[in-house]
Amino acid sequence: MILDQQHGEQQEEIEYREGEEMLGGLYVGPEFQYFGSDGYRHRRLGIHVTSMKAEDAEWSAAAGWARDSAGRASPYVRLSILTRR
């Protein structure tokens, strides 16, 4: 489980991910993200795959549905790469 909460003067961010280990050491599970600032809110709900490893890099991917306080909604895709030195 990953839970991250950050507060600034005018913005806040919350991320939550939970996963079950699958074949090959991959973790799969739900994710929730919230971003907010004065007058604007953005929420994402989806599924993630974490711990895809290749040499010195670790990959993470997610897809789901996003909605904001302006009434817009759409699917989203996230790809993250972490490199170690």
Protein backbone atom coordinates (compact mmCIF):
# COMPACT_ATOMS: atom_id res chain seq x y z
CA MET A 1 0.00 0.00 0.00
CA ILE A 2 1.25 3.48 -0.87
CA LEU A 3 -0.37 6.48 0.78
CA ASP A 4 1.10 9.92 0.13
CA GLN A 5 -0.41 13.19 1.27
CA GLN A 6 1.13 16.61 0.67
CA HIS A 7 -0.11 20.02 1.71
CA GLY A 8 1.01 23.37 0.36
CA GLU A 9 -0.33 26.86 0.86
CA GLN A 10 -2.71 26.59 -2.07
CA GLN A 11 -2.62 22.95 -3.16
CA GLU A 12 -2.92 19.42 -1.84
CA GLU A 13 -2.27 15.98 -3.27
CA ILE A 14 -3.29 12.51 -2.08
CA GLU A 15 -2.25 9.23 -3.72
CA TYR A 16 -3.30 5.75 -2.67
CA ARG A 17 -2.26 2.46 -4.26
CA GLU A 18 -2.70 -1.09 -3.08
CA GLY A 19 -1.59 -4.22 -4.88
CA GLU A 20 -1.39 -7.98 -4.83
CA GLU A 21 1.75 -9.72 -6.04
CA MET A 22 1.16 -11.57 -9.30
CA LEU A 23 3.37 -13.74 -11.50
CA GLY A 24 6.88 -12.44 -12.03
CA GLY A 25 6.83 -10.14 -8.99
CA LEU A 26 4.41 -7.62 -10.52
CA TYR A 27 1.95 -5.88 -8.23
CA VAL A 28 -1.55 -5.17 -9.56
CA GLY A 29 -4.30 -3.28 -7.79
CA PRO A 30 -6.46 -0.17 -7.48
CA GLU A 31 -5.18 3.40 -7.31
CA PHE A 32 -6.76 6.71 -6.33
CA GLN A 33 -5.26 10.17 -6.87
CA TYR A 34 -6.56 13.57 -5.80
CA PHE A 35 -5.06 16.93 -6.74
CA GLY A 36 -6.56 20.16 -5.44
CA SER A 37 -5.81 23.87 -5.38
CA ASP A 38 -7.86 27.03 -4.88
CA GLY A 39 -10.95 26.61 -7.04
CA TYR A 40 -9.88 23.38 -8.79
CA ARG A 41 -10.10 19.66 -7.93
CA HIS A 42 -8.97 16.63 -9.97
CA ARG A 43 -9.68 12.97 -9.10
CA ARG A 44 -8.48 9.74 -10.71
CA LEU A 45 -9.62 6.18 -10.06
CA GLY A 46 -7.97 3.28 -11.85
CA ILE A 47 -5.82 0.16 -11.80
CA HIS A 48 -2.02 0.03 -11.69
CA VAL A 49 0.78 -2.43 -12.48
CA THR A 50 3.99 -1.81 -10.51
CA SER A 51 7.49 -3.32 -10.25
CA MET A 52 8.13 -4.13 -13.88
CA LYS A 53 11.94 -4.30 -13.77
CA ALA A 54 14.48 -4.16 -16.58
CA GLU A 55 18.17 -3.81 -15.64
CA ASP A 56 18.47 -0.46 -13.76
CA ALA A 57 14.91 0.72 -14.46
CA GLU A 58 11.60 0.02 -12.75
CA TRP A 59 8.38 0.74 -14.65
CA SER A 60 4.88 1.46 -13.42
CA ALA A 61 1.72 1.90 -15.49
CA ALA A 62 -1.89 2.75 -14.73
CA ALA A 63 -5.16 3.42 -16.51
CA GLY A 64 -8.55 4.56 -15.35
CA TRP A 65 -11.06 7.39 -15.24
CA ALA A 66 -10.39 11.06 -14.34
CA ARG A 67 -12.83 13.83 -13.41
CA ASP A 68 -12.27 17.46 -12.44
CA SER A 69 -14.24 20.19 -10.70
CA ALA A 70 -15.00 21.87 -14.06
CA GLY A 71 -17.17 18.86 -14.96
CA ARG A 72 -14.73 17.35 -17.46
CA ALA A 73 -14.17 13.58 -17.42
CA SER A 74 -12.04 11.24 -19.52
CA PRO A 75 -9.92 8.09 -19.43
CA TYR A 76 -6.28 8.48 -18.36
CA VAL A 77 -3.05 6.54 -18.81
CA ARG A 78 0.05 6.96 -16.62
CA LEU A 79 3.55 5.57 -17.29
CA SER A 80 6.40 6.08 -14.80
CA ILE A 81 10.06 5.06 -15.07
CA LEU A 82 12.44 5.03 -12.11
CA THR A 83 16.16 4.59 -12.76
CA ARG A 84 18.78 3.62 -10.20
CA ARG A 85 22.39 4.78 -10.29
